[in-house]
PDB file of N, CA and C in Angstrom:
ATOM      1  N   MET A   1      -6.416  33.938  -2.645  1.00  0.00           N
ATOM      2  CA  MET A   1      -7.260  32.748  -2.717  1.00  0.00           C
ATOM      3  C   MET A   1      -7.691  32.397  -1.295  1.00  0.00           C
ATOM      4  N   SER A   2      -8.948  32.054  -1.132  1.00  0.00           N
ATOM      5  CA  SER A   2      -9.422  31.728   0.210  1.00  0.00           C
ATOM      6  C   SER A   2      -8.825  30.407   0.680  1.00  0.00           C
ATOM      7  N   SER A   3      -8.652  30.284   1.994  1.00  0.00           N
ATOM      8  CA  SER A   3      -8.046  29.064   2.527  1.00  0.00           C
ATOM      9  C   SER A   3      -8.942  27.849   2.294  1.00  0.00           C
ATOM     10  N   GLN A   4     -10.272  28.049   2.230  1.00  0.00           N
ATOM     11  CA  GLN A   4     -11.179  26.939   1.939  1.00  0.00           C
ATOM     12  C   GLN A   4     -10.926  26.388   0.542  1.00  0.00           C
ATOM     13  N   ILE A   5     -10.749  27.274  -0.417  1.00  0.00           N
ATOM     14  CA  ILE A   5     -10.498  26.849  -1.793  1.00  0.00           C
ATOM     15  C   ILE A   5      -9.145  26.147  -1.874  1.00  0.00           C
ATOM     16  N   GLU A   6      -8.117  26.738  -1.249  1.00  0.00           N
ATOM     17  CA  GLU A   6      -6.793  26.114  -1.239  1.00  0.00           C
ATOM     18  C   GLU A   6      -6.846  24.736  -0.611  1.00  0.00           C
ATOM     19  N   ARG A   7      -7.539  24.641   0.519  1.00  0.00           N
ATOM     20  CA  ARG A   7      -7.627  23.371   1.245  1.00  0.00           C
ATOM     21  C   ARG A   7      -8.235  22.296   0.361  1.00  0.00           C
ATOM     22  N   ARG A   8      -9.334  22.636  -0.293  1.00  0.00           N
ATOM     23  CA  ARG A   8     -10.020  21.676  -1.165  1.00  0.00           C
ATOM     24  C   ARG A   8      -9.147  21.316  -2.363  1.00  0.00           C
ATOM     25  N   LEU A   9      -8.499  22.315  -2.944  1.00  0.00           N
ATOM     26  CA  LEU A   9      -7.669  22.098  -4.120  1.00  0.00           C
ATOM     27  C   LEU A   9      -6.450  21.237  -3.796  1.00  0.00           C
ATOM     28  N   PHE A  10      -5.804  21.507  -2.672  1.00  0.00           N
ATOM     29  CA  PHE A  10      -4.557  20.817  -2.345  1.00  0.00           C
ATOM     30  C   PHE A  10      -4.751  19.493  -1.615  1.00  0.00           C
ATOM     31  N   LEU A  11      -5.967  19.161  -1.228  1.00  0.00           N
ATOM     32  CA  LEU A  11      -6.216  17.911  -0.516  1.00  0.00           C
ATOM     33  C   LEU A  11      -5.757  16.704  -1.336  1.00  0.00           C
ATOM     34  N   GLY A  12      -5.998  16.725  -2.626  1.00  0.00           N
ATOM     35  CA  GLY A  12      -5.550  15.627  -3.485  1.00  0.00           C
ATOM     36  C   GLY A  12      -4.038  15.531  -3.520  1.00  0.00           C
ATOM     37  N   PHE A  13      -3.350  16.686  -3.591  1.00  0.00           N
ATOM     38  CA  PHE A  13      -1.891  16.681  -3.578  1.00  0.00           C
ATOM     39  C   PHE A  13      -1.374  16.069  -2.272  1.00  0.00           C
ATOM     40  N   ILE A  14      -2.016  16.437  -1.177  1.00  0.00           N
ATOM     41  CA  ILE A  14      -1.603  15.934   0.134  1.00  0.00           C
ATOM     42  C   ILE A  14      -1.786  14.421   0.192  1.00  0.00           C
ATOM     43  N   GLN A  15      -2.900  13.922  -0.333  1.00  0.00           N
ATOM     44  CA  GLN A  15      -3.135  12.480  -0.322  1.00  0.00           C
ATOM     45  C   GLN A  15      -2.104  11.745  -1.179  1.00  0.00           C
ATOM     46  N   ILE A  16      -1.726  12.314  -2.308  1.00  0.00           N
ATOM     47  CA  ILE A  16      -0.690  11.706  -3.151  1.00  0.00           C
ATOM     48  C   ILE A  16       0.634  11.696  -2.391  1.00  0.00           C
ATOM     49  N   HIS A  17       0.929  12.788  -1.715  1.00  0.00           N
ATOM     50  CA  HIS A  17       2.148  12.882  -0.913  1.00  0.00           C
ATOM     51  C   HIS A  17       2.153  11.790   0.163  1.00  0.00           C
ATOM     52  N   ILE A  18       1.025  11.611   0.834  1.00  0.00           N
ATOM     53  CA  ILE A  18       0.900  10.580   1.875  1.00  0.00           C
ATOM     54  C   ILE A  18       1.139   9.198   1.276  1.00  0.00           C
ATOM     55  N   LEU A  19       0.511   8.901   0.148  1.00  0.00           N
ATOM     56  CA  LEU A  19       0.695   7.600  -0.493  1.00  0.00           C
ATOM     57  C   LEU A  19       2.151   7.390  -0.898  1.00  0.00           C
ATOM     58  N   HIS A  20       2.778   8.431  -1.421  1.00  0.00           N
ATOM     59  CA  HIS A  20       4.184   8.337  -1.825  1.00  0.00           C
ATOM     60  C   HIS A  20       5.058   7.903  -0.645  1.00  0.00           C
ATOM     61  N   HIS A  21       4.885   8.560   0.493  1.00  0.00           N
ATOM     62  CA  HIS A  21       5.706   8.225   1.661  1.00  0.00           C
ATOM     63  C   HIS A  21       5.323   6.881   2.262  1.00  0.00           C
ATOM     64  N   ALA A  22       4.054   6.545   2.210  1.00  0.00           N
ATOM     65  CA  ALA A  22       3.610   5.258   2.746  1.00  0.00           C
ATOM     66  C   ALA A  22       4.169   4.105   1.920  1.00  0.00           C
ATOM     67  N   LYS A  23       4.442   4.366   0.656  1.00  0.00           N
ATOM     68  CA  LYS A  23       5.045   3.330  -0.191  1.00  0.00           C
ATOM     69  C   LYS A  23       6.530   3.163   0.149  1.00  0.00           C
ATOM     70  N   LYS A  24       7.204   4.245   0.475  1.00  0.00           N
ATOM     71  CA  LYS A  24       8.634   4.187   0.797  1.00  0.00           C
ATOM     72  C   LYS A  24       8.863   3.436   2.115  1.00  0.00           C
ATOM     73  N   GLU A  25       8.086   3.784   3.136  1.00  0.00           N
ATOM     74  CA  GLU A  25       8.185   3.118   4.438  1.00  0.00           C
ATOM     75  C   GLU A  25       7.009   3.545   5.316  1.00  0.00           C
ATOM     76  N   PRO A  26       6.623   2.707   6.271  1.00  0.00           N
ATOM     77  CA  PRO A  26       5.542   3.101   7.181  1.00  0.00           C
ATOM     78  C   PRO A  26       5.911   4.379   7.939  1.00  0.00           C
ATOM     79  N   PHE A  27       4.907   5.216   8.194  1.00  0.00           N
ATOM     80  CA  PHE A  27       5.136   6.482   8.894  1.00  0.00           C
ATOM     81  C   PHE A  27       4.090   6.645   9.978  1.00  0.00           C
ATOM     82  N   PHE A  28       4.366   7.564  10.915  1.00  0.00           N
ATOM     83  CA  PHE A  28       3.376   7.913  11.938  1.00  0.00           C
ATOM     84  C   PHE A  28       2.953   9.360  11.726  1.00  0.00           C
ATOM     85  N   GLY A  29       1.812   9.713  12.277  1.00  0.00           N
ATOM     86  CA  GLY A  29       1.159  10.978  11.975  1.00  0.00           C
ATOM     87  C   GLY A  29       1.973  12.228  12.222  1.00  0.00           C
ATOM     88  N   SER A  30       2.628  12.335  13.383  1.00  0.00           N
ATOM     89  CA  SER A  30       3.355  13.581  13.660  1.00  0.00           C
ATOM     90  C   SER A  30       4.529  13.747  12.697  1.00  0.00           C
ATOM     91  N   TRP A  31       5.144  12.641  12.268  1.00  0.00           N
ATOM     92  CA  TRP A  31       6.205  12.732  11.264  1.00  0.00           C
ATOM     93  C   TRP A  31       5.641  13.291   9.960  1.00  0.00           C
ATOM     94  N   MET A  32       4.444  12.817   9.571  1.00  0.00           N
ATOM     95  CA  MET A  32       3.834  13.268   8.313  1.00  0.00           C
ATOM     96  C   MET A  32       3.473  14.744   8.387  1.00  0.00           C
ATOM     97  N   ILE A  33       3.023  15.217   9.529  1.00  0.00           N
ATOM     98  CA  ILE A  33       2.720  16.648   9.684  1.00  0.00           C
ATOM     99  C   ILE A  33       3.975  17.468   9.406  1.00  0.00           C
ATOM    100  N   GLU A  34       5.112  17.043   9.979  1.00  0.00           N
ATOM    101  CA  GLU A  34       6.375  17.749   9.753  1.00  0.00           C
ATOM    102  C   GLU A  34       6.801  17.662   8.287  1.00  0.00           C
ATOM    103  N   GLU A  35       6.652  16.502   7.686  1.00  0.00           N
ATOM    104  CA  GLU A  35       7.017  16.317   6.277  1.00  0.00           C
ATOM    105  C   GLU A  35       6.189  17.230   5.382  1.00  0.00           C
ATOM    106  N   LEU A  36       4.895  17.296   5.627  1.00  0.00           N
ATOM    107  CA  LEU A  36       4.021  18.152   4.821  1.00  0.00           C
ATOM    108  C   LEU A  36       4.390  19.628   5.008  1.00  0.00           C
ATOM    109  N   GLN A  37       4.765  20.010   6.234  1.00  0.00           N
ATOM    110  CA  GLN A  37       5.165  21.396   6.483  1.00  0.00           C
ATOM    111  C   GLN A  37       6.396  21.769   5.666  1.00  0.00           C
ATOM    112  N   GLU A  38       7.310  20.816   5.481  1.00  0.00           N
ATOM    113  CA  GLU A  38       8.508  21.082   4.679  1.00  0.00           C
ATOM    114  C   GLU A  38       8.147  21.397   3.219  1.00  0.00           C
ATOM    115  N   HIS A  39       6.968  20.988   2.809  1.00  0.00           N
ATOM    116  CA  HIS A  39       6.524  21.219   1.434  1.00  0.00           C
ATOM    117  C   HIS A  39       5.449  22.302   1.345  1.00  0.00           C
ATOM    118  N   GLY A  40       5.281  23.064   2.439  1.00  0.00           N
ATOM    119  CA  GLY A  40       4.388  24.208   2.414  1.00  0.00           C
ATOM    120  C   GLY A  40       2.949  23.939   2.802  1.00  0.00           C
ATOM    121  N   TYR A  41       2.658  22.733   3.285  1.00  0.00           N
ATOM    122  CA  TYR A  41       1.293  22.404   3.708  1.00  0.00           C
ATOM    123  C   TYR A  41       1.218  22.480   5.229  1.00  0.00           C
ATOM    124  N   THR A  42       0.314  23.302   5.737  1.00  0.00           N
ATOM    125  CA  THR A  42       0.097  23.386   7.180  1.00  0.00           C
ATOM    126  C   THR A  42      -1.086  22.504   7.520  1.00  0.00           C
ATOM    127  N   MET A  43      -0.839  21.507   8.357  1.00  0.00           N
ATOM    128  CA  MET A  43      -1.896  20.556   8.689  1.00  0.00           C
ATOM    129  C   MET A  43      -1.836  20.229  10.171  1.00  0.00           C
ATOM    130  N   SER A  44      -2.961  20.340  10.837  1.00  0.00           N
ATOM    131  CA  SER A  44      -3.032  20.024  12.262  1.00  0.00           C
ATOM    132  C   SER A  44      -3.364  18.538  12.423  1.00  0.00           C
ATOM    133  N   PRO A  45      -3.104  17.983  13.611  1.00  0.00           N
ATOM    134  CA  PRO A  45      -3.503  16.595  13.856  1.00  0.00           C
ATOM    135  C   PRO A  45      -5.011  16.393  13.651  1.00  0.00           C
ATOM    136  N   GLY A  46      -5.793  17.413  13.986  1.00  0.00           N
ATOM    137  CA  GLY A  46      -7.244  17.326  13.826  1.00  0.00           C
ATOM    138  C   GLY A  46      -7.696  17.253  12.374  1.00  0.00           C
ATOM    139  N   THR A  47      -6.815  17.610  11.464  1.00  0.00           N
ATOM    140  CA  THR A  47      -7.102  17.488  10.038  1.00  0.00           C
ATOM    141  C   THR A  47      -6.454  16.236   9.463  1.00  0.00           C
ATOM    142  N   LEU A  48      -5.198  15.969   9.863  1.00  0.00           N
ATOM    143  CA  LEU A  48      -4.480  14.835   9.292  1.00  0.00           C
ATOM    144  C   LEU A  48      -5.091  13.495   9.685  1.00  0.00           C
ATOM    145  N   TYR A  49      -5.363  13.291  10.974  1.00  0.00           N
ATOM    146  CA  TYR A  49      -5.813  11.966  11.401  1.00  0.00           C
ATOM    147  C   TYR A  49      -7.145  11.547  10.779  1.00  0.00           C
ATOM    148  N   PRO A  50      -8.140  12.429  10.676  1.00  0.00           N
ATOM    149  CA  PRO A  50      -9.353  12.012   9.949  1.00  0.00           C
ATOM    150  C   PRO A  50      -9.063  11.664   8.483  1.00  0.00           C
ATOM    151  N   LEU A  51      -8.117  12.386   7.867  1.00  0.00           N
ATOM    152  CA  LEU A  51      -7.736  12.084   6.487  1.00  0.00           C
ATOM    153  C   LEU A  51      -7.095  10.697   6.410  1.00  0.00           C
ATOM    154  N   LEU A  52      -6.174  10.391   7.337  1.00  0.00           N
ATOM    155  CA  LEU A  52      -5.556   9.064   7.356  1.00  0.00           C
ATOM    156  C   LEU A  52      -6.597   7.975   7.585  1.00  0.00           C
ATOM    157  N   HIS A  53      -7.539   8.230   8.487  1.00  0.00           N
ATOM    158  CA  HIS A  53      -8.592   7.245   8.764  1.00  0.00           C
ATOM    159  C   HIS A  53      -9.471   7.018   7.539  1.00  0.00           C
ATOM    160  N   SER A  54      -9.772   8.083   6.801  1.00  0.00           N
ATOM    161  CA  SER A  54     -10.603   7.908   5.603  1.00  0.00           C
ATOM    162  C   SER A  54      -9.822   7.167   4.519  1.00  0.00           C
ATOM    163  N   MET A  55      -8.524   7.437   4.398  1.00  0.00           N
ATOM    164  CA  MET A  55      -7.709   6.714   3.418  1.00  0.00           C
ATOM    165  C   MET A  55      -7.593   5.243   3.802  1.00  0.00           C
ATOM    166  N   GLU A  56      -7.569   4.972   5.090  1.00  0.00           N
ATOM    167  CA  GLU A  56      -7.557   3.585   5.563  1.00  0.00           C
ATOM    168  C   GLU A  56      -8.899   2.912   5.247  1.00  0.00           C
ATOM    169  N   ALA A  57      -9.998   3.610   5.510  1.00  0.00           N
ATOM    170  CA  ALA A  57     -11.332   3.061   5.234  1.00  0.00           C
ATOM    171  C   ALA A  57     -11.536   2.800   3.741  1.00  0.00           C
ATOM    172  N   GLU A  58     -10.885   3.610   2.900  1.00  0.00           N
ATOM    173  CA  GLU A  58     -10.989   3.432   1.443  1.00  0.00           C
ATOM    174  C   GLU A  58     -10.053   2.345   0.926  1.00  0.00           C
ATOM    175  N   GLY A  59      -9.253   1.759   1.813  1.00  0.00           N
ATOM    176  CA  GLY A  59      -8.363   0.677   1.417  1.00  0.00           C
ATOM    177  C   GLY A  59      -7.048   1.131   0.812  1.00  0.00           C
ATOM    178  N   LEU A  60      -6.688   2.408   0.996  1.00  0.00           N
ATOM    179  CA  LEU A  60      -5.439   2.926   0.445  1.00  0.00           C
ATOM    180  C   LEU A  60      -4.261   2.737   1.404  1.00  0.00           C
ATOM    181  N   LEU A  61      -4.556   2.740   2.700  1.00  0.00           N
ATOM    182  CA  LEU A  61      -3.543   2.603   3.747  1.00  0.00           C
ATOM    183  C   LEU A  61      -3.946   1.500   4.718  1.00  0.00           C
ATOM    184  N   GLU A  62      -2.947   0.921   5.362  1.00  0.00           N
ATOM    185  CA  GLU A  62      -3.162  -0.009   6.472  1.00  0.00           C
ATOM    186  C   GLU A  62      -2.486   0.578   7.698  1.00  0.00           C
ATOM    187  N   LYS A  63      -3.123   0.377   8.847  1.00  0.00           N
ATOM    188  CA  LYS A  63      -2.572   0.892  10.102  1.00  0.00           C
ATOM    189  C   LYS A  63      -1.986  -0.270  10.897  1.00  0.00           C
ATOM    190  N   GLU A  64      -0.813  -0.038  11.475  1.00  0.00           N
ATOM    191  CA  GLU A  64      -0.165  -1.033  12.311  1.00  0.00           C
ATOM    192  C   GLU A  64       0.224  -0.347  13.610  1.00  0.00           C
ATOM    193  N   GLU A  65      -0.119  -0.957  14.731  1.00  0.00           N
ATOM    194  CA  GLU A  65       0.240  -0.374  16.021  1.00  0.00           C
ATOM    195  C   GLU A  65       1.541  -0.989  16.501  1.00  0.00           C
ATOM    196  N   ARG A  66       2.472  -0.121  16.934  1.00  0.00           N
ATOM    197  CA  ARG A  66       3.772  -0.564  17.439  1.00  0.00           C
ATOM    198  C   ARG A  66       4.007   0.064  18.804  1.00  0.00           C
ATOM    199  N   LEU A  67       4.660  -0.678  19.672  1.00  0.00           N
ATOM    200  CA  LEU A  67       5.022  -0.160  20.986  1.00  0.00           C
ATOM    201  C   LEU A  67       6.363   0.565  20.854  1.00  0.00           C
ATOM    202  N   VAL A  68       6.354   1.878  21.091  1.00  0.00           N
ATOM    203  CA  VAL A  68       7.554   2.701  20.987  1.00  0.00           C
ATOM    204  C   VAL A  68       7.669   3.518  22.274  1.00  0.00           C
ATOM    205  N   ASP A  69       8.756   3.331  23.000  1.00  0.00           N
ATOM    206  CA  ASP A  69       8.964   4.047  24.268  1.00  0.00           C
ATOM    207  C   ASP A  69       7.766   3.908  25.205  1.00  0.00           C
ATOM    208  N   LYS A  70       7.279   2.691  25.330  1.00  0.00           N
ATOM    209  CA  LYS A  70       6.155   2.348  26.218  1.00  0.00           C
ATOM    210  C   LYS A  70       4.840   3.004  25.817  1.00  0.00           C
ATOM    211  N   LYS A  71       4.758   3.470  24.569  1.00  0.00           N
ATOM    212  CA  LYS A  71       3.519   4.057  24.050  1.00  0.00           C
ATOM    213  C   LYS A  71       3.164   3.346  22.750  1.00  0.00           C
ATOM    214  N   ILE A  72       1.882   3.240  22.492  1.00  0.00           N
ATOM    215  CA  ILE A  72       1.435   2.673  21.222  1.00  0.00           C
ATOM    216  C   ILE A  72       1.475   3.777  20.173  1.00  0.00           C
ATOM    217  N   ARG A  73       2.196   3.520  19.098  1.00  0.00           N
ATOM    218  CA  ARG A  73       2.270   4.481  17.998  1.00  0.00           C
ATOM    219  C   ARG A  73       1.672   3.806  16.773  1.00  0.00           C
ATOM    220  N   LYS A  74       0.821   4.553  16.067  1.00  0.00           N
ATOM    221  CA  LYS A  74       0.161   4.024  14.872  1.00  0.00           C
ATOM    222  C   LYS A  74       0.983   4.382  13.642  1.00  0.00           C
ATOM    223  N   TYR A  75       1.376   3.357  12.902  1.00  0.00           N
ATOM    224  CA  TYR A  75       2.118   3.539  11.656  1.00  0.00           C
ATOM    225  C   TYR A  75       1.202   3.207  10.491  1.00  0.00           C
ATOM    226  N   TYR A  76       1.351   3.956   9.420  1.00  0.00           N
ATOM    227  CA  TYR A  76       0.539   3.748   8.222  1.00  0.00           C
ATOM    228  C   TYR A  76       1.436   3.311   7.079  1.00  0.00           C
ATOM    229  N   LYS A  77       0.976   2.312   6.327  1.00  0.00           N
ATOM    230  CA  LYS A  77       1.701   1.856   5.143  1.00  0.00           C
ATOM    231  C   LYS A  77       0.701   1.698   3.997  1.00  0.00           C
ATOM    232  N   ILE A  78       1.218   1.692   2.798  1.00  0.00           N
ATOM    233  CA  ILE A  78       0.376   1.642   1.602  1.00  0.00           C
ATOM    234  C   ILE A  78      -0.126   0.215   1.371  1.00  0.00           C
ATOM    235  N   THR A  79      -1.293   0.100   0.760  1.00  0.00           N
ATOM    236  CA  THR A  79      -1.852  -1.193   0.363  1.00  0.00           C
ATOM    237  C   THR A  79      -1.652  -1.378  -1.138  1.00  0.00           C
ATOM    238  N   GLU A  80      -2.003  -2.549  -1.637  1.00  0.00           N
ATOM    239  CA  GLU A  80      -1.934  -2.783  -3.090  1.00  0.00           C
ATOM    240  C   GLU A  80      -2.838  -1.802  -3.835  1.00  0.00           C
ATOM    241  N   THR A  81      -4.021  -1.561  -3.297  1.00  0.00           N
ATOM    242  CA  THR A  81      -4.930  -0.578  -3.905  1.00  0.00           C
ATOM    243  C   THR A  81      -4.294   0.803  -3.898  1.00  0.00           C
ATOM    244  N   GLY A  82      -3.668   1.157  -2.789  1.00  0.00           N
ATOM    245  CA  GLY A  82      -2.995   2.447  -2.686  1.00  0.00           C
ATOM    246  C   GLY A  82      -1.887   2.594  -3.712  1.00  0.00           C
ATOM    247  N   ILE A  83      -1.150   1.508  -3.962  1.00  0.00           N
ATOM    248  CA  ILE A  83      -0.078   1.543  -4.967  1.00  0.00           C
ATOM    249  C   ILE A  83      -0.665   1.812  -6.344  1.00  0.00           C
ATOM    250  N   LYS A  84      -1.765   1.153  -6.671  1.00  0.00           N
ATOM    251  CA  LYS A  84      -2.405   1.361  -7.980  1.00  0.00           C
ATOM    252  C   LYS A  84      -2.893   2.806  -8.118  1.00  0.00           C
ATOM    253  N   VAL A  85      -3.504   3.329  -7.065  1.00  0.00           N
ATOM    254  CA  VAL A  85      -3.994   4.710  -7.083  1.00  0.00           C
ATOM    255  C   VAL A  85      -2.819   5.678  -7.224  1.00  0.00           C
ATOM    256  N   LEU A  86      -1.728   5.429  -6.508  1.00  0.00           N
ATOM    257  CA  LEU A  86      -0.547   6.282  -6.590  1.00  0.00           C
ATOM    258  C   LEU A  86       0.026   6.283  -8.007  1.00  0.00           C
ATOM    259  N   GLU A  87       0.117   5.125  -8.629  1.00  0.00           N
ATOM    260  CA  GLU A  87       0.646   5.047  -9.997  1.00  0.00           C
ATOM    261  C   GLU A  87      -0.232   5.826 -10.966  1.00  0.00           C
ATOM    262  N   GLU A  88      -1.534   5.695 -10.829  1.00  0.00           N
ATOM    263  CA  GLU A  88      -2.459   6.432 -11.700  1.00  0.00           C
ATOM    264  C   GLU A  88      -2.355   7.936 -11.439  1.00  0.00           C
ATOM    265  N   ALA A  89      -2.248   8.317 -10.161  1.00  0.00           N
ATOM    266  CA  ALA A  89      -2.122   9.732  -9.803  1.00  0.00           C
ATOM    267  C   ALA A  89      -0.832  10.319 -10.374  1.00  0.00           C
ATOM    268  N   ARG A  90       0.257   9.557 -10.325  1.00  0.00           N
ATOM    269  CA  ARG A  90       1.522  10.029 -10.899  1.00  0.00           C
ATOM    270  C   ARG A  90       1.373  10.312 -12.386  1.00  0.00           C
ATOM    271  N   SER A  91       0.720   9.397 -13.075  1.00  0.00           N
ATOM    272  CA  SER A  91       0.524   9.551 -14.513  1.00  0.00           C
ATOM    273  C   SER A  91      -0.311  10.798 -14.813  1.00  0.00           C
ATOM    274  N   LYS A  92      -1.399  10.960 -14.089  1.00  0.00           N
ATOM    275  CA  LYS A  92      -2.279  12.107 -14.306  1.00  0.00           C
ATOM    276  C   LYS A  92      -1.589  13.420 -13.909  1.00  0.00           C
ATOM    277  N   ALA A  93      -0.845  13.393 -12.816  1.00  0.00           N
ATOM    278  CA  ALA A  93      -0.128  14.601 -12.379  1.00  0.00           C
ATOM    279  C   ALA A  93       0.925  14.994 -13.410  1.00  0.00           C
ATOM    280  N   TYR A  94       1.603  14.011 -13.981  1.00  0.00           N
ATOM    281  CA  TYR A  94       2.610  14.296 -15.000  1.00  0.00           C
ATOM    282  C   TYR A  94       1.965  14.934 -16.225  1.00  0.00           C
ATOM    283  N   GLU A  95       0.846  14.389 -16.648  1.00  0.00           N
ATOM    284  CA  GLU A  95       0.121  14.957 -17.797  1.00  0.00           C
ATOM    285  C   GLU A  95      -0.334  16.382 -17.501  1.00  0.00           C
ATOM    286  N   LEU A  96      -0.849  16.611 -16.296  1.00  0.00           N
ATOM    287  CA  LEU A  96      -1.294  17.946 -15.907  1.00  0.00           C
ATOM    288  C   LEU A  96      -0.107  18.909 -15.891  1.00  0.00           C
ATOM    289  N   PHE A  97       1.003  18.484 -15.294  1.00  0.00           N
ATOM    290  CA  PHE A  97       2.191  19.340 -15.248  1.00  0.00           C
ATOM    291  C   PHE A  97       2.638  19.733 -16.656  1.00  0.00           C
ATOM    292  N   LYS A  98       2.688  18.764 -17.569  1.00  0.00           N
ATOM    293  CA  LYS A  98       3.104  19.071 -18.945  1.00  0.00           C
ATOM    294  C   LYS A  98       2.174  20.097 -19.582  1.00  0.00           C
ATOM    295  N   GLU A  99       0.891  20.023 -19.257  1.00  0.00           N
ATOM    296  CA  GLU A  99      -0.079  20.940 -19.867  1.00  0.00           C
ATOM    297  C   GLU A  99      -0.013  22.341 -19.271  1.00  0.00           C
ATOM    298  N   ILE A 100       0.184  22.453 -17.961  1.00  0.00           N
ATOM    299  CA  ILE A 100       0.090  23.769 -17.333  1.00  0.00           C
ATOM    300  C   ILE A 100       1.422  24.488 -17.168  1.00  0.00           C
ATOM    301  N   LYS A 101       2.551  23.802 -17.374  1.00  0.00           N
ATOM    302  CA  LYS A 101       3.841  24.483 -17.196  1.00  0.00           C
ATOM    303  C   LYS A 101       3.988  25.572 -18.258  1.00  0.00           C
ATOM    304  N   GLU A 102       4.688  26.590 -17.903  1.00  0.00           N
ATOM    305  CA  GLU A 102       4.828  27.723 -18.827  1.00  0.00           C
ATOM    306  C   GLU A 102       6.126  27.641 -19.583  1.00  0.00           C
TER     307      GLU A 102
END
């Protein structure tokens, strides 16, 4: 499968993963890159940060700046809209899993 097709196909999974973690606790970008790698997704900062910014612009995430070790670190947390989208995505993913499992 071409990486372009995989990227497009798995982008939704990655966004659900991001929302899931943002609901548990605020996270910062480099932590999310490592978390996604643990689940088989390779993502560079140049790909992740525009995705986080678009999710923020869509009202799914909120960004909070915190001073950590004399540096500003951006943390992302889920919004009420993001929670609703995550709940709907869980329901749809569960239905899809039931249909496609062998």
